[in-house]
Amino acid sequence: MIQKLIEQIQAKNAPVVVGLDPNLKFIPAFLLEEAARNHVVSGFGSDALDTAAEAVWQFNKRIVDAVCDLVPAVKPQIAMYEQFGIPGLMAYYKTIRYCREKGLLIIGDVKRGDIGSTSAAYAQGHLGDADALDVDFATVNPYLGTDGIKPFIDVCNARDKGIFVLVKTSNPSSGEFQDVLTQDGRPVYELVGQKVNEWGALSMEGKYSNVGAVVGATYPEQGRLLRQQMPHTFILAPGYGAQGATGRDLSYFFDEEGLGAIVNSSRGIIAAWQKDSYSRYGETGFAEAARAAALDMIEDLRSAIAER
């Protein structure tokens, strides 16, 4: 699966994944009003949940239409759908199916992690069953060790899928645990990176493994170190744009061929219409604003990689 992602990145010359994290405050009022008027009834929730889920689905659909020719992948964050109950999960499911129709690869940002049969069930539900949620990659929490990761790798090998393991996350408090020094003086995130290397050997696909790593763009020095430590690990880098990272911060997340990483932007793209720099599009042009923001991000990353 990682080779498919690399091929799509090369075809579009865009190491960018759009995060589909549709907080209601990002959705224009007119879409919520349309959803309320249409009154789509799921039978699984209140009118408010049905309205919110329908607005999310319509919002996602237009965003995807605007960017699908520019980027290789999208990353829906499942929590943004779970908050609307069963109607929200139905919107998540429809979004996945629509993105697949548009030829996009899908990273399910689910951050699952457990052991034994529970981990196997998570892996089967998100990666292993074409009739279930069926994304191409899933994010995985390594806190429970190999027992929590191996069931995902087994499904990845059986169905040509991939995972991204949390190594050094982009949030400010990540260091509370991830930067703690181990007995040999290394921070915990380096130890996790070492384990990702070991797990990756169980699912190699050419130069890179189907076991990738999440490394926050907000920590460029750590990213540079981890790129060297994990030469066969593809990096998913959140934190661009709204969290402050730029293309220059990310240049050393990539290998000498300009590959090896894909950078996520969520609200920086899907909520671009609310930013002064894209306000000319207005709320009815939210999808056009998202496209413009995606193009600007792609150019920023291309320039940073070229200047290395």
Foldseek 3Di string as FASTA:
>chain_A
DVVLQVVLCVVQVFLAAEELQDDVVLQDPVLLVVLLVVQDDPVFDDSVLSSVLSSSLVLLLLLCVLCLSRHQAYEYELVSQCVSPPSSVVSLQVSQVSSVVSNHAYEYADAAWDADPVLLVVLCQDDNDPPHSHGQEYEYEQPVHPRGCVSNLVRCVVRVGAYAYEQAAADPCSCVQQQDADPVGGGNSLVVLLVLLVSQVSAADPQAGSYAYEHELNDLVVLLVSCVVRVRHAYEYECPDPNDGFLLSCQSNADLVRGRYHYYDYCLQQSQCVDPVNVVCPSVNSSVSSSVSSVVRRVRNVVNNVVD
